[in-house]
Each structure stands twice: as structure tokens, then as C-alpha cells.
Amino acid sequence: MPDMRLIMASATAVAVVLSAPGAHAQAISAQEAEELRAQIRTMKAQMEAMEARLNAAAPGGGAPDAATIAGSPAGPGSQPAPAAALAAGTAGSAGTAKAKDDTAIEWKGSPQFAKGDNLFKVKGRIQADANYVGAPKGLHDKGLGFSSEMRRIRLGAEGAIGAGFDYKLELELSDNAVDLVDTYVGYHTGPWQIRLGNQNSFQSLDELTGDTSGSVMERAAFTDAFNFERRLGMAFQYNKGPWLAQAGVFTDDIGALSNSNDGENGGDENNSFGLDGRLAFSPKVGDFQLHFGGSAHWRRLGRLADSDTRYRQRPYVHSTNTRVIGTPAMNVSEEDHYGLEFAAIRGRWHAAAEYHVLTADRLDASTVTFQGAYAETGIFLTKGDHRGFKEGIFRVEKPAHPLGQDGFGSVLLTVRYDWLDLNDRDIRGGTQNGYIAALVWEPIQNLRFNVNYALLAYTGATPTTSGKTDYDAQVVGTRFELDF
């Protein structure tokens, strides 16, 4: 619709012309008179329509906002047009809007509000699994077979409050409990960043990559077996060009620190702490995005040394609580572990590999060492799609050709080898050699469907009724996930 000022100015000009003395003295043709009358009727209709819209938008006599004048549609889901676009006489983009206070609203799976250095975004995640673990003959464990669960339900928010400060708060329902996940306050300036709160302690590439950004449903076996988790602490990061350095000091996870029990498991007696560091070099070489990394970790368990520590692992999927390999309970006073990382991306193809070793110092016995590793390669079956990589971890990218627009979405096929060794000295926790094939379909951004198959070859596992400890387990896993 034309600008109201333009309509009013045109109407005024016509009125002046018609009322001017010269207009009465100068004769015009019948055709010119009819054309002039048609223009007046058009402008009158436009002004009447404008007045009706103004009255509907501001029945109390208040001034309408810029979005109302611009003619943006009313109702749920509508976006007001930017004020700048109004002044220019053009429409704003569908995903972004500005109100009178210059607050920009952008859609990123959920609304994101930004004003100057301030930002706020609601975050959420839904993951539901349906899985099947084929139990070997003679292993009568009712936790195997079919199982299903809500793997994760997460809700929270993140934002920035100006002057370089930011925050994140997330609550997660998992394992029938509500836990705090990423919950911190941060500050950044240039390449430097510091965070205080509950967060990951730079354990490994696979652990740090988001669970909705991974190529398979579950992370490498060693990440669970070695008890990787978020912990309360202070972390520093330096990121410039291809270099990334991360370091921090951490105590324990929030749940363990808030435990109301007394004794070695009590929150007020939990004096454990650790030091963690990670260094990564991720250069772009021609068409390749490369990544080389390493991490080192030391933890003193303190009072927790009097409690039981175990290293064990499920048969790939999380919906079963059965562990067919695992160490006995031990009294561990200190842990040291180290990891090496590699990744490469070129177009639709990617590869990644890691090796991790953990040493546990026991109070009443010799030190034991356990190991784990994985290697994977994958390729998108859809043109134009690729894995993202930023700040030393894999990132999810939106499909190049989403469903409902000009394509089918993205389809990623990955094969992975997953190895875990929990045997050393007098500890015979067993070994796993896992062979995994995974298919991930992302029809539109923020929504993914997973189908995984895993063949797990065990040695030294939980014995069957016949005493057999070396056997295979076959696993089929499925998941849908919505992340915003």
C-alpha cells in the first residue's frame, strides 16, 4: 500500500490545483477531467481503507505501531515489519523483525531476541529411543531385548547481557532425574573466554561434540566407561585462527556436590578436584578441514577414594541398564588420563579417530590402566551437504535441500569401529570390539531420525549359564530428535 504521507500529499496537491484561481480560468477537456476524477476516487478509497485499518489497530485512539502501518498480517505467527523497511517503503525479511525499541527477533528453531549487546534464546531438546539388544544364548538378563526411553528432554535458555558477559542454563530429564547440564556464566574478549559453572571439562572430541551433532546415536564406549561428565569449575579458552587452547580446574558434578548423605558419598565431604587441558590445531588445507588435538587430565578423588569406583559400559544403547563388561568396585585415589584426536572433512566426506588411556591409582593395590579408541568414516548421500566444524568440535549443518522445498533433506551414512579394554593386572573387566553402521536423516533443520546397527564382540564379559565369557551381541537402535 502506498505511504500515507504520499497519499495525503497527493490529495492536498490535487485539492490546491482544483481550488486555485487559475484552475477555474483554464479550460480542460472532458477526458482530462474524467482522468482527474478517477485519480481522486482512487486516493479517496485508499485513505478510507487506511483510516479503517488505523481504527482497528488503535481503537482507544492510541498511535499505531510501524508494523500496523506497514500492513503486516495480524494473528499468531505473524512478524512485524522492520521500522527501517517501513521508512524505505520495502518489506523486511520473514525471519527477522524490529520493534520500536530496535529489538530484533530471529527464528532459530525458537525465537531469539537481540538488542545491541543483549541476547536471549529459548533452548530445548527432545530425544526418544526404541532399541533392541540381542542377548547371547545362556545370558538370561531381562534388561536385554527390547527397550525404549526418552533419552533426553532438555529445556533452558542462553543469552548475553552486554559488556562481553554471557550465560547458559539447561535442565535435563534423563535417567528419571532432573539434572543441570550446561549452566554457567561466561565472559569473552577477543580470542579469550572464561566460564564459571557446570560444564564439560574438555575430555575428548567425541564427548564435546553435541549429541544432536554426532554421526552415531551414542558416543564412544570409553567416554561412558571412564565416567566423563560435566563438572562444576572454572574454564579458560583461547581461540585464534586454527589454534584452540582450553584449560580449567573442576570439582565434581552438581548432583554429587549437592548430595545430602553423610560420609564418603556426602556432598559436604566431597573434596575431589581435577585439572584438565586440551590443545587443538584445526587448519584448512585446500579442500580439507583438518583437526589434530590432544588432552590431559588429572583428578584427585579425596574423600571419594573411600567410596566405590567402577569402569563399565552398556551394550551400545542407553535404554538398557545392563553392563556385560566392567571392572569390580575399586578404591581409587587419583586418576590420570590422556587422549589424542584426529578429524578430517572434505565436501560430503568426513573421518574421525581418537585414542584414550586412563590410569587409576588404587588405595590398596597397584595402579591399573584401561584403554579405548574409535575410528569412523562417513559420507552424505545427498548433494551439497557436509559436516560443520567450529572451535574444535563437529557442528550440525542445515540440509542443503530441505524436505518441502527443493529436496529430501540430508542423509548421512557412517561406519565406526569402537574398542574398549578394561583388562589390566588383576582386573579383568573385559574387552569390546564394536562395529557400528549408522544412518541419519535430517529432513529439515533441527529435526533428525537415526537408525543404527551394532555388532559387539566381547571377551571376558558376564558369563552365560554355561560359563562362556566370549560372545557377540547385536544391537538395533532408533531415535528421533528435535533440537532448538
Foldseek 3Di string as FASTA:
>chain_A
DDQPVVLVVVLVVLVCCCPDPVNVVDDDDPVVVVVSVVVNVVSVVVVVVQVVQQCVQCVVPDGHWLQSSLPWDDDPPTARFENVCSVVVHGDDRAWYQGPQRWIWGDDVFTWTDDVQKIKDKWWKWKKKWKAKFDDPQAPDPLHGIFIDGAKTKIWMWIGDDPQKIWTWMWICHPNDIFTAGGWIKGDDDQKIKIFFWYFQCPDQQVPADCVQDQANDTFFQCVLVPGGTFGWMKMWGDDAQKIKIKIKGFGGPVQLCACDDALSHNVQFGKMKIKIKIKGFHDDPQKTKIKMKMKMKIFRHSNLVPWDKGFGDPGDDRGPDTFFIWPTFRFGMKIKMKIWIKMWGAFKIKIKMKMKMWTPGPPDHIWMWIKMKIKMKGKPDHPDTWDDDNSHIDHDWFPAAPPGGDQTIKMKMWMWIKIAPDDDPIHRKIKTKIKIKIWGDRGPQKIKIWMKMKIWIASTHAGPVRHSTDIMIMIMIMIMGID
